Amino acid sequence: MTGGQTEQIVVSVFRFDPTKDQRPYYQAYTVPVKQQLTLQRLLEYIYAKIDNTLAFRKGKCYQGVCGRCLVKLNGKPVRACSTLLQAGQKVQVDPLKEDKVLKDLVTEL
């Protein structure tokens, strides 16, 4: 990617609020990016700029150590705070344990 040029990451996020949804669904978001960013920063951007109803756990360490931010990215467990994404990617984000969802990407620990 060239400096200053804005590209996009398309992310499909697992959504489910057991207090109002009958079943889980996926919601797509298109996020502008100028450089690579972590999955955590991508989720924070969605929450701050696009959809403040998105629920996810924020990592506390931002170094991939604490494990608080664990989710599945394209079906594989990752630490959101240390997993880098590139512009042009299409990704799917799911909770680590779909049978224990409290809301969206937040699961029982």
PDB file of N, CA and C in Angstrom:
ATOM      1  N   MET A   1       0.848  -1.163   0.000  1.00  0.00           N
ATOM      2  CA  MET A   1       0.000   0.000   0.000  1.00  0.00           C
ATOM      3  C   MET A   1       0.895   1.229   0.000  1.00  0.00           C
ATOM      4  N   THR A   2       0.524   2.230  -0.745  1.00  0.00           N
ATOM      5  CA  THR A   2       1.335   3.430  -0.803  1.00  0.00           C
ATOM      6  C   THR A   2       0.961   4.387   0.305  1.00  0.00           C
ATOM      7  N   GLY A   3       1.891   5.229   0.716  1.00  0.00           N
ATOM      8  CA  GLY A   3       1.662   6.149   1.824  1.00  0.00           C
ATOM      9  C   GLY A   3       0.485   7.079   1.587  1.00  0.00           C
ATOM     10  N   GLY A   4      -0.401   7.180   2.565  1.00  0.00           N
ATOM     11  CA  GLY A   4      -1.521   8.089   2.497  1.00  0.00           C
ATOM     12  C   GLY A   4      -2.744   7.568   1.770  1.00  0.00           C
ATOM     13  N   GLN A   5      -2.589   6.554   0.968  1.00  0.00           N
ATOM     14  CA  GLN A   5      -3.724   6.017   0.221  1.00  0.00           C
ATOM     15  C   GLN A   5      -4.605   5.190   1.151  1.00  0.00           C
ATOM     16  N   THR A   6      -5.913   5.452   1.096  1.00  0.00           N
ATOM     17  CA  THR A   6      -6.836   4.715   1.942  1.00  0.00           C
ATOM     18  C   THR A   6      -7.382   3.517   1.177  1.00  0.00           C
ATOM     19  N   GLU A   7      -7.275   2.359   1.791  1.00  0.00           N
ATOM     20  CA  GLU A   7      -7.861   1.144   1.248  1.00  0.00           C
ATOM     21  C   GLU A   7      -8.864   0.631   2.268  1.00  0.00           C
ATOM     22  N   GLN A   8      -9.324  -0.611   2.088  1.00  0.00           N
ATOM     23  CA  GLN A   8     -10.372  -1.121   2.962  1.00  0.00           C
ATOM     24  C   GLN A   8     -10.089  -2.541   3.422  1.00  0.00           C
ATOM     25  N   ILE A   9     -10.665  -2.849   4.576  1.00  0.00           N
ATOM     26  CA  ILE A   9     -10.776  -4.222   5.046  1.00  0.00           C
ATOM     27  C   ILE A   9     -12.263  -4.483   5.203  1.00  0.00           C
ATOM     28  N   VAL A  10     -12.722  -5.584   4.643  1.00  0.00           N
ATOM     29  CA  VAL A  10     -14.117  -5.984   4.799  1.00  0.00           C
ATOM     30  C   VAL A  10     -14.159  -7.081   5.852  1.00  0.00           C
ATOM     31  N   VAL A  11     -14.930  -6.846   6.908  1.00  0.00           N
ATOM     32  CA  VAL A  11     -14.994  -7.791   8.017  1.00  0.00           C
ATOM     33  C   VAL A  11     -16.441  -8.193   8.263  1.00  0.00           C
ATOM     34  N   SER A  12     -16.644  -9.486   8.410  1.00  0.00           N
ATOM     35  CA  SER A  12     -17.951 -10.046   8.744  1.00  0.00           C
ATOM     36  C   SER A  12     -17.886 -10.490  10.200  1.00  0.00           C
ATOM     37  N   VAL A  13     -18.720  -9.884  11.048  1.00  0.00           N
ATOM     38  CA  VAL A  13     -18.642 -10.106  12.489  1.00  0.00           C
ATOM     39  C   VAL A  13     -19.866 -10.871  12.981  1.00  0.00           C
ATOM     40  N   PHE A  14     -19.612 -11.901  13.776  1.00  0.00           N
ATOM     41  CA  PHE A  14     -20.663 -12.675  14.436  1.00  0.00           C
ATOM     42  C   PHE A  14     -21.419 -11.751  15.383  1.00  0.00           C
ATOM     43  N   ARG A  15     -22.747 -11.743  15.260  1.00  0.00           N
ATOM     44  CA  ARG A  15     -23.581 -10.920  16.141  1.00  0.00           C
ATOM     45  C   ARG A  15     -24.639 -11.799  16.795  1.00  0.00           C
ATOM     46  N   PHE A  16     -24.829 -11.614  18.079  1.00  0.00           N
ATOM     47  CA  PHE A  16     -25.894 -12.326  18.786  1.00  0.00           C
ATOM     48  C   PHE A  16     -26.099 -11.703  20.153  1.00  0.00           C
ATOM     49  N   ASP A  17     -27.317 -11.272  20.402  1.00  0.00           N
ATOM     50  CA  ASP A  17     -27.713 -10.784  21.718  1.00  0.00           C
ATOM     51  C   ASP A  17     -28.849 -11.681  22.184  1.00  0.00           C
ATOM     52  N   PRO A  18     -28.578 -12.613  23.099  1.00  0.00           N
ATOM     53  CA  PRO A  18     -29.597 -13.577  23.511  1.00  0.00           C
ATOM     54  C   PRO A  18     -30.834 -12.937  24.133  1.00  0.00           C
ATOM     55  N   THR A  19     -30.747 -11.669  24.527  1.00  0.00           N
ATOM     56  CA  THR A  19     -31.923 -11.011  25.100  1.00  0.00           C
ATOM     57  C   THR A  19     -32.903 -10.538  24.035  1.00  0.00           C
ATOM     58  N   LYS A  20     -32.450 -10.475  22.758  1.00  0.00           N
ATOM     59  CA  LYS A  20     -33.370 -10.018  21.719  1.00  0.00           C
ATOM     60  C   LYS A  20     -33.286 -10.767  20.391  1.00  0.00           C
ATOM     61  N   ASP A  21     -32.214 -11.495  20.142  1.00  0.00           N
ATOM     62  CA  ASP A  21     -32.071 -12.217  18.872  1.00  0.00           C
ATOM     63  C   ASP A  21     -32.480 -13.673  19.034  1.00  0.00           C
ATOM     64  N   GLN A  22     -33.197 -14.190  18.039  1.00  0.00           N
ATOM     65  CA  GLN A  22     -33.564 -15.607  18.070  1.00  0.00           C
ATOM     66  C   GLN A  22     -32.394 -16.494  17.685  1.00  0.00           C
ATOM     67  N   ARG A  23     -31.550 -15.987  16.808  1.00  0.00           N
ATOM     68  CA  ARG A  23     -30.391 -16.771  16.362  1.00  0.00           C
ATOM     69  C   ARG A  23     -29.255 -15.828  15.969  1.00  0.00           C
ATOM     70  N   PRO A  24     -28.045 -16.342  15.967  1.00  0.00           N
ATOM     71  CA  PRO A  24     -26.898 -15.524  15.563  1.00  0.00           C
ATOM     72  C   PRO A  24     -26.964 -15.156  14.077  1.00  0.00           C
ATOM     73  N   TYR A  25     -26.268 -14.095  13.727  1.00  0.00           N
ATOM     74  CA  TYR A  25     -26.154 -13.665  12.333  1.00  0.00           C
ATOM     75  C   TYR A  25     -24.803 -12.971  12.159  1.00  0.00           C
ATOM     76  N   TYR A  26     -24.445 -12.699  10.923  1.00  0.00           N
ATOM     77  CA  TYR A  26     -23.205 -11.981  10.637  1.00  0.00           C
ATOM     78  C   TYR A  26     -23.535 -10.604  10.086  1.00  0.00           C
ATOM     79  N   GLN A  27     -22.764  -9.621  10.516  1.00  0.00           N
ATOM     80  CA  GLN A  27     -22.918  -8.265  10.017  1.00  0.00           C
ATOM     81  C   GLN A  27     -21.609  -7.850   9.370  1.00  0.00           C
ATOM     82  N   ALA A  28     -21.710  -7.313   8.161  1.00  0.00           N
ATOM     83  CA  ALA A  28     -20.522  -6.902   7.417  1.00  0.00           C
ATOM     84  C   ALA A  28     -20.226  -5.425   7.656  1.00  0.00           C
ATOM     85  N   TYR A  29     -18.952  -5.137   7.806  1.00  0.00           N
ATOM     86  CA  TYR A  29     -18.481  -3.763   7.964  1.00  0.00           C
ATOM     87  C   TYR A  29     -17.332  -3.551   6.987  1.00  0.00           C
ATOM     88  N   THR A  30     -17.264  -2.374   6.406  1.00  0.00           N
ATOM     89  CA  THR A  30     -16.142  -1.988   5.562  1.00  0.00           C
ATOM     90  C   THR A  30     -15.393  -0.884   6.293  1.00  0.00           C
ATOM     91  N   VAL A  31     -14.125  -1.156   6.577  1.00  0.00           N
ATOM     92  CA  VAL A  31     -13.324  -0.242   7.389  1.00  0.00           C
ATOM     93  C   VAL A  31     -12.189   0.328   6.537  1.00  0.00           C
ATOM     94  N   PRO A  32     -12.095   1.669   6.450  1.00  0.00           N
ATOM     95  CA  PRO A  32     -10.983   2.268   5.714  1.00  0.00           C
ATOM     96  C   PRO A  32      -9.683   2.142   6.510  1.00  0.00           C
ATOM     97  N   VAL A  33      -8.611   1.814   5.825  1.00  0.00           N
ATOM     98  CA  VAL A  33      -7.309   1.697   6.487  1.00  0.00           C
ATOM     99  C   VAL A  33      -6.226   2.330   5.616  1.00  0.00           C
ATOM    100  N   LYS A  34      -5.219   2.892   6.267  1.00  0.00           N
ATOM    101  CA  LYS A  34      -4.073   3.459   5.557  1.00  0.00           C
ATOM    102  C   LYS A  34      -2.826   2.617   5.744  1.00  0.00           C
ATOM    103  N   GLN A  35      -2.863   1.732   6.732  1.00  0.00           N
ATOM    104  CA  GLN A  35      -1.719   0.871   7.027  1.00  0.00           C
ATOM    105  C   GLN A  35      -2.247  -0.381   7.708  1.00  0.00           C
ATOM    106  N   GLN A  36      -1.380  -1.347   7.901  1.00  0.00           N
ATOM    107  CA  GLN A  36      -1.835  -2.542   8.620  1.00  0.00           C
ATOM    108  C   GLN A  36      -2.254  -2.151  10.026  1.00  0.00           C
ATOM    109  N   LEU A  37      -3.181  -2.912  10.588  1.00  0.00           N
ATOM    110  CA  LEU A  37      -3.627  -2.664  11.947  1.00  0.00           C
ATOM    111  C   LEU A  37      -3.995  -3.980  12.585  1.00  0.00           C
ATOM    112  N   THR A  38      -4.083  -3.979  13.912  1.00  0.00           N
ATOM    113  CA  THR A  38      -4.451  -5.208  14.606  1.00  0.00           C
ATOM    114  C   THR A  38      -5.957  -5.410  14.524  1.00  0.00           C
ATOM    115  N   LEU A  39      -6.363  -6.651  14.704  1.00  0.00           N
ATOM    116  CA  LEU A  39      -7.783  -6.965  14.755  1.00  0.00           C
ATOM    117  C   LEU A  39      -8.442  -6.193  15.893  1.00  0.00           C
ATOM    118  N   GLN A  40      -7.765  -6.041  17.018  1.00  0.00           N
ATOM    119  CA  GLN A  40      -8.299  -5.269  18.150  1.00  0.00           C
ATOM    120  C   GLN A  40      -8.604  -3.838  17.729  1.00  0.00           C
ATOM    121  N   ARG A  41      -7.667  -3.193  17.046  1.00  0.00           N
ATOM    122  CA  ARG A  41      -7.870  -1.807  16.592  1.00  0.00           C
ATOM    123  C   ARG A  41      -9.021  -1.729  15.589  1.00  0.00           C
ATOM    124  N   LEU A  42      -9.162  -2.745  14.751  1.00  0.00           N
ATOM    125  CA  LEU A  42     -10.268  -2.785  13.795  1.00  0.00           C
ATOM    126  C   LEU A  42     -11.609  -2.840  14.531  1.00  0.00           C
ATOM    127  N   LEU A  43     -11.719  -3.704  15.538  1.00  0.00           N
ATOM    128  CA  LEU A  43     -12.954  -3.801  16.319  1.00  0.00           C
ATOM    129  C   LEU A  43     -13.224  -2.496  17.069  1.00  0.00           C
ATOM    130  N   GLU A  44     -12.182  -1.883  17.595  1.00  0.00           N
ATOM    131  CA  GLU A  44     -12.342  -0.600  18.287  1.00  0.00           C
ATOM    132  C   GLU A  44     -12.827   0.485  17.329  1.00  0.00           C
ATOM    133  N   TYR A  45     -12.326   0.471  16.095  1.00  0.00           N
ATOM    134  CA  TYR A  45     -12.767   1.441  15.088  1.00  0.00           C
ATOM    135  C   TYR A  45     -14.250   1.239  14.780  1.00  0.00           C
ATOM    136  N   ILE A  46     -14.649  -0.022  14.576  1.00  0.00           N
ATOM    137  CA  ILE A  46     -16.063  -0.302  14.301  1.00  0.00           C
ATOM    138  C   ILE A  46     -16.927   0.223  15.440  1.00  0.00           C
ATOM    139  N   TYR A  47     -16.534  -0.061  16.669  1.00  0.00           N
ATOM    140  CA  TYR A  47     -17.302   0.384  17.838  1.00  0.00           C
ATOM    141  C   TYR A  47     -17.374   1.918  17.915  1.00  0.00           C
ATOM    142  N   ALA A  48     -16.266   2.586  17.698  1.00  0.00           N
ATOM    143  CA  ALA A  48     -16.203   4.041  17.860  1.00  0.00           C
ATOM    144  C   ALA A  48     -16.819   4.817  16.701  1.00  0.00           C
ATOM    145  N   LYS A  49     -16.688   4.303  15.479  1.00  0.00           N
ATOM    146  CA  LYS A  49     -17.071   5.092  14.302  1.00  0.00           C
ATOM    147  C   LYS A  49     -18.273   4.559  13.526  1.00  0.00           C
ATOM    148  N   ILE A  50     -18.599   3.265  13.700  1.00  0.00           N
ATOM    149  CA  ILE A  50     -19.643   2.672  12.863  1.00  0.00           C
ATOM    150  C   ILE A  50     -20.809   2.129  13.673  1.00  0.00           C
ATOM    151  N   ASP A  51     -20.528   1.335  14.703  1.00  0.00           N
ATOM    152  CA  ASP A  51     -21.593   0.624  15.415  1.00  0.00           C
ATOM    153  C   ASP A  51     -21.225   0.439  16.883  1.00  0.00           C
ATOM    154  N   ASN A  52     -21.750   1.313  17.738  1.00  0.00           N
ATOM    155  CA  ASN A  52     -21.395   1.235  19.155  1.00  0.00           C
ATOM    156  C   ASN A  52     -22.186   0.181  19.922  1.00  0.00           C
ATOM    157  N   THR A  53     -22.902  -0.682  19.209  1.00  0.00           N
ATOM    158  CA  THR A  53     -23.571  -1.808  19.875  1.00  0.00           C
ATOM    159  C   THR A  53     -22.726  -3.074  19.832  1.00  0.00           C
ATOM    160  N   LEU A  54     -21.626  -3.063  19.086  1.00  0.00           N
ATOM    161  CA  LEU A  54     -20.764  -4.240  18.975  1.00  0.00           C
ATOM    162  C   LEU A  54     -20.090  -4.530  20.313  1.00  0.00           C
ATOM    163  N   ALA A  55     -20.234  -5.769  20.785  1.00  0.00           N
ATOM    164  CA  ALA A  55     -19.628  -6.170  22.063  1.00  0.00           C
ATOM    165  C   ALA A  55     -18.429  -7.082  21.812  1.00  0.00           C
ATOM    166  N   PHE A  56     -17.304  -6.752  22.435  1.00  0.00           N
ATOM    167  CA  PHE A  56     -16.085  -7.562  22.350  1.00  0.00           C
ATOM    168  C   PHE A  56     -15.242  -7.252  23.573  1.00  0.00           C
ATOM    169  N   ARG A  57     -14.344  -8.164  23.907  1.00  0.00           N
ATOM    170  CA  ARG A  57     -13.451  -7.937  25.046  1.00  0.00           C
ATOM    171  C   ARG A  57     -12.194  -7.223  24.568  1.00  0.00           C
ATOM    172  N   LYS A  58     -11.864  -6.163  25.252  1.00  0.00           N
ATOM    173  CA  LYS A  58     -10.628  -5.452  24.942  1.00  0.00           C
ATOM    174  C   LYS A  58      -9.488  -6.105  25.700  1.00  0.00           C
ATOM    175  N   GLY A  59      -8.409  -6.351  24.987  1.00  0.00           N
ATOM    176  CA  GLY A  59      -7.221  -6.867  25.650  1.00  0.00           C
ATOM    177  C   GLY A  59      -6.668  -5.824  26.601  1.00  0.00           C
ATOM    178  N   LYS A  60      -6.028  -6.280  27.638  1.00  0.00           N
ATOM    179  CA  LYS A  60      -5.439  -5.343  28.601  1.00  0.00           C
ATOM    180  C   LYS A  60      -3.949  -5.149  28.356  1.00  0.00           C
ATOM    181  N   CYS A  61      -3.331  -6.115  27.715  1.00  0.00           N
ATOM    182  CA  CYS A  61      -1.875  -6.054  27.589  1.00  0.00           C
ATOM    183  C   CYS A  61      -1.419  -5.490  26.240  1.00  0.00           C
ATOM    184  N   TYR A  62      -2.211  -5.653  25.197  1.00  0.00           N
ATOM    185  CA  TYR A  62      -1.855  -5.251  23.834  1.00  0.00           C
ATOM    186  C   TYR A  62      -0.522  -5.851  23.383  1.00  0.00           C
ATOM    187  N   GLN A  63      -0.195  -7.020  23.949  1.00  0.00           N
ATOM    188  CA  GLN A  63       1.038  -7.704  23.573  1.00  0.00           C
ATOM    189  C   GLN A  63       0.810  -9.182  23.304  1.00  0.00           C
ATOM    190  N   GLY A  64      -0.441  -9.631  23.322  1.00  0.00           N
ATOM    191  CA  GLY A  64      -0.730 -11.033  23.067  1.00  0.00           C
ATOM    192  C   GLY A  64      -0.442 -11.943  24.237  1.00  0.00           C
ATOM    193  N   VAL A  65      -0.417 -11.408  25.450  1.00  0.00           N
ATOM    194  CA  VAL A  65      -0.044 -12.188  26.621  1.00  0.00           C
ATOM    195  C   VAL A  65      -1.245 -12.621  27.457  1.00  0.00           C
ATOM    196  N   CYS A  66      -2.160 -11.712  27.742  1.00  0.00           N
ATOM    197  CA  CYS A  66      -3.217 -11.990  28.727  1.00  0.00           C
ATOM    198  C   CYS A  66      -4.308 -12.935  28.208  1.00  0.00           C
ATOM    199  N   GLY A  67      -4.548 -12.959  26.904  1.00  0.00           N
ATOM    200  CA  GLY A  67      -5.556 -13.858  26.340  1.00  0.00           C
ATOM    201  C   GLY A  67      -6.985 -13.368  26.456  1.00  0.00           C
ATOM    202  N   ARG A  68      -7.183 -12.197  27.005  1.00  0.00           N
ATOM    203  CA  ARG A  68      -8.532 -11.652  27.186  1.00  0.00           C
ATOM    204  C   ARG A  68      -9.236 -11.383  25.849  1.00  0.00           C
ATOM    205  N   CYS A  69      -8.494 -11.112  24.816  1.00  0.00           N
ATOM    206  CA  CYS A  69      -9.055 -10.723  23.522  1.00  0.00           C
ATOM    207  C   CYS A  69      -9.183 -11.891  22.535  1.00  0.00           C
ATOM    208  N   LEU A  70      -9.104 -13.117  23.005  1.00  0.00           N
ATOM    209  CA  LEU A  70      -9.166 -14.275  22.107  1.00  0.00           C
ATOM    210  C   LEU A  70     -10.490 -14.343  21.352  1.00  0.00           C
ATOM    211  N   VAL A  71     -10.400 -14.490  20.032  1.00  0.00           N
ATOM    212  CA  VAL A  71     -11.544 -14.684  19.141  1.00  0.00           C
ATOM    213  C   VAL A  71     -11.097 -15.640  18.038  1.00  0.00           C
ATOM    214  N   LYS A  72     -12.006 -15.975  17.145  1.00  0.00           N
ATOM    215  CA  LYS A  72     -11.625 -16.739  15.958  1.00  0.00           C
ATOM    216  C   LYS A  72     -11.591 -15.794  14.763  1.00  0.00           C
ATOM    217  N   LEU A  73     -10.524 -15.885  13.999  1.00  0.00           N
ATOM    218  CA  LEU A  73     -10.371 -15.125  12.766  1.00  0.00           C
ATOM    219  C   LEU A  73     -10.307 -16.128  11.631  1.00  0.00           C
ATOM    220  N   ASN A  74     -11.295 -16.084  10.760  1.00  0.00           N
ATOM    221  CA  ASN A  74     -11.385 -17.055   9.663  1.00  0.00           C
ATOM    222  C   ASN A  74     -11.277 -18.484  10.182  1.00  0.00           C
ATOM    223  N   GLY A  75     -11.940 -18.737  11.326  1.00  0.00           N
ATOM    224  CA  GLY A  75     -12.026 -20.083  11.886  1.00  0.00           C
ATOM    225  C   GLY A  75     -10.887 -20.510  12.789  1.00  0.00           C
ATOM    226  N   LYS A  76      -9.868 -19.671  12.937  1.00  0.00           N
ATOM    227  CA  LYS A  76      -8.713 -20.041  13.762  1.00  0.00           C
ATOM    228  C   LYS A  76      -8.609 -19.131  14.983  1.00  0.00           C
ATOM    229  N   PRO A  77      -8.337 -19.703  16.164  1.00  0.00           N
ATOM    230  CA  PRO A  77      -8.187 -18.871  17.362  1.00  0.00           C
ATOM    231  C   PRO A  77      -6.987 -17.929  17.238  1.00  0.00           C
ATOM    232  N   VAL A  78      -7.221 -16.651  17.580  1.00  0.00           N
ATOM    233  CA  VAL A  78      -6.152 -15.643  17.541  1.00  0.00           C
ATOM    234  C   VAL A  78      -6.315 -14.681  18.713  1.00  0.00           C
ATOM    235  N   ARG A  79      -5.242 -13.989  19.020  1.00  0.00           N
ATOM    236  CA  ARG A  79      -5.297 -12.880  19.976  1.00  0.00           C
ATOM    237  C   ARG A  79      -5.512 -11.611  19.159  1.00  0.00           C
ATOM    238  N   ALA A  80      -6.662 -10.976  19.351  1.00  0.00           N
ATOM    239  CA  ALA A  80      -7.019  -9.804  18.548  1.00  0.00           C
ATOM    240  C   ALA A  80      -6.006  -8.674  18.692  1.00  0.00           C
ATOM    241  N   CYS A  81      -5.408  -8.546  19.868  1.00  0.00           N
ATOM    242  CA  CYS A  81      -4.497  -7.423  20.113  1.00  0.00           C
ATOM    243  C   CYS A  81      -3.168  -7.544  19.372  1.00  0.00           C
ATOM    244  N   SER A  82      -2.814  -8.737  18.933  1.00  0.00           N
ATOM    245  CA  SER A  82      -1.517  -8.910  18.276  1.00  0.00           C
ATOM    246  C   SER A  82      -1.619  -9.505  16.873  1.00  0.00           C
ATOM    247  N   THR A  83      -2.834  -9.680  16.371  1.00  0.00           N
ATOM    248  CA  THR A  83      -3.032 -10.232  15.029  1.00  0.00           C
ATOM    249  C   THR A  83      -3.157  -9.089  14.031  1.00  0.00           C
ATOM    250  N   LEU A  84      -2.221  -9.016  13.094  1.00  0.00           N
ATOM    251  CA  LEU A  84      -2.201  -7.932  12.116  1.00  0.00           C
ATOM    252  C   LEU A  84      -3.065  -8.252  10.907  1.00  0.00           C
ATOM    253  N   LEU A  85      -3.762  -7.233  10.429  1.00  0.00           N
ATOM    254  CA  LEU A  85      -4.582  -7.331   9.226  1.00  0.00           C
ATOM    255  C   LEU A  85      -4.032  -6.369   8.186  1.00  0.00           C
ATOM    256  N   GLN A  86      -4.230  -6.719   6.925  1.00  0.00           N
ATOM    257  CA  GLN A  86      -3.767  -5.896   5.814  1.00  0.00           C
ATOM    258  C   GLN A  86      -4.962  -5.365   5.032  1.00  0.00           C
ATOM    259  N   ALA A  87      -4.802  -4.212   4.426  1.00  0.00           N
ATOM    260  CA  ALA A  87      -5.834  -3.672   3.550  1.00  0.00           C
ATOM    261  C   ALA A  87      -6.124  -4.672   2.438  1.00  0.00           C
ATOM    262  N   GLY A  88      -7.372  -4.727   2.033  1.00  0.00           N
ATOM    263  CA  GLY A  88      -7.777  -5.636   0.973  1.00  0.00           C
ATOM    264  C   GLY A  88      -8.258  -6.983   1.473  1.00  0.00           C
ATOM    265  N   GLN A  89      -8.000  -7.282   2.740  1.00  0.00           N
ATOM    266  CA  GLN A  89      -8.435  -8.561   3.293  1.00  0.00           C
ATOM    267  C   GLN A  89      -9.939  -8.580   3.497  1.00  0.00           C
ATOM    268  N   LYS A  90     -10.512  -9.777   3.354  1.00  0.00           N
ATOM    269  CA  LYS A  90     -11.887 -10.038   3.753  1.00  0.00           C
ATOM    270  C   LYS A  90     -11.787 -11.059   4.872  1.00  0.00           C
ATOM    271  N   VAL A  91     -12.307 -10.714   6.041  1.00  0.00           N
ATOM    272  CA  VAL A  91     -12.148 -11.584   7.195  1.00  0.00           C
ATOM    273  C   VAL A  91     -13.481 -11.823   7.892  1.00  0.00           C
ATOM    274  N   GLN A  92     -13.524 -12.933   8.607  1.00  0.00           N
ATOM    275  CA  GLN A  92     -14.689 -13.265   9.425  1.00  0.00           C
ATOM    276  C   GLN A  92     -14.232 -13.423  10.866  1.00  0.00           C
ATOM    277  N   VAL A  93     -14.946 -12.768  11.783  1.00  0.00           N
ATOM    278  CA  VAL A  93     -14.599 -12.813  13.200  1.00  0.00           C
ATOM    279  C   VAL A  93     -15.740 -13.462  13.965  1.00  0.00           C
ATOM    280  N   ASP A  94     -15.388 -14.478  14.762  1.00  0.00           N
ATOM    281  CA  ASP A  94     -16.356 -15.219  15.568  1.00  0.00           C
ATOM    282  C   ASP A  94     -15.891 -15.258  17.014  1.00  0.00           C
ATOM    283  N   PRO A  95     -16.837 -15.480  17.936  1.00  0.00           N
ATOM    284  CA  PRO A  95     -16.420 -15.686  19.324  1.00  0.00           C
ATOM    285  C   PRO A  95     -15.635 -16.980  19.440  1.00  0.00           C
ATOM    286  N   LEU A  96     -14.793 -17.070  20.442  1.00  0.00           N
ATOM    287  CA  LEU A  96     -13.985 -18.267  20.633  1.00  0.00           C
ATOM    288  C   LEU A  96     -14.854 -19.487  20.895  1.00  0.00           C
ATOM    289  N   LYS A  97     -15.899 -19.311  21.698  1.00  0.00           N
ATOM    290  CA  LYS A  97     -16.804 -20.419  22.039  1.00  0.00           C
ATOM    291  C   LYS A  97     -18.231 -20.002  21.716  1.00  0.00           C
ATOM    292  N   GLU A  98     -18.770 -20.453  20.596  1.00  0.00           N
ATOM    293  CA  GLU A  98     -20.101 -20.026  20.172  1.00  0.00           C
ATOM    294  C   GLU A  98     -21.213 -20.534  21.076  1.00  0.00           C
ATOM    295  N   ASP A  99     -20.960 -21.576  21.852  1.00  0.00           N
ATOM    296  CA  ASP A  99     -22.007 -22.107  22.728  1.00  0.00           C
ATOM    297  C   ASP A  99     -22.103 -21.340  24.046  1.00  0.00           C
ATOM    298  N   LYS A 100     -21.187 -20.410  24.293  1.00  0.00           N
ATOM    299  CA  LYS A 100     -21.173 -19.676  25.565  1.00  0.00           C
ATOM    300  C   LYS A 100     -21.203 -18.164  25.344  1.00  0.00           C
ATOM    301  N   VAL A 101     -21.920 -17.717  24.313  1.00  0.00           N
ATOM    302  CA  VAL A 101     -21.955 -16.302  23.959  1.00  0.00           C
ATOM    303  C   VAL A 101     -22.835 -15.518  24.928  1.00  0.00           C
ATOM    304  N   LEU A 102     -22.263 -14.448  25.476  1.00  0.00           N
ATOM    305  CA  LEU A 102     -23.035 -13.514  26.294  1.00  0.00           C
ATOM    306  C   LEU A 102     -23.626 -12.423  25.407  1.00  0.00           C
ATOM    307  N   LYS A 103     -22.802 -11.909  24.481  1.00  0.00           N
ATOM    308  CA  LYS A 103     -23.246 -10.970  23.458  1.00  0.00           C
ATOM    309  C   LYS A 103     -22.135 -10.834  22.425  1.00  0.00           C
ATOM    310  N   ASP A 104     -22.490 -10.997  21.171  1.00  0.00           N
ATOM    311  CA  ASP A 104     -21.567 -10.842  20.050  1.00  0.00           C
ATOM    312  C   ASP A 104     -20.287 -11.657  20.251  1.00  0.00           C
ATOM    313  N   LEU A 105     -19.149 -11.008  20.415  1.00  0.00           N
ATOM    314  CA  LEU A 105     -17.870 -11.714  20.550  1.00  0.00           C
ATOM    315  C   LEU A 105     -17.485 -11.985  21.997  1.00  0.00           C
ATOM    316  N   VAL A 106     -18.338 -11.596  22.931  1.00  0.00           N
ATOM    317  CA  VAL A 106     -18.068 -11.796  24.359  1.00  0.00           C
ATOM    318  C   VAL A 106     -18.646 -13.136  24.794  1.00  0.00           C
ATOM    319  N   THR A 107     -17.782 -13.975  25.363  1.00  0.00           N
ATOM    320  CA  THR A 107     -18.212 -15.295  25.829  1.00  0.00           C
ATOM    321  C   THR A 107     -17.932 -15.443  27.319  1.00  0.00           C
ATOM    322  N   GLU A 108     -18.563 -16.455  27.906  1.00  0.00           N
ATOM    323  CA  GLU A 108     -18.242 -16.782  29.295  1.00  0.00           C
ATOM    324  C   GLU A 108     -16.779 -17.199  29.358  1.00  0.00           C
ATOM    325  N   LEU A 109     -16.113 -16.809  30.400  1.00  0.00           N
ATOM    326  CA  LEU A 109     -14.691 -17.178  30.551  1.00  0.00           C
ATOM    327  C   LEU A 109     -14.552 -18.522  31.208  1.00  0.00           C
TER     328      LEU A 109
END
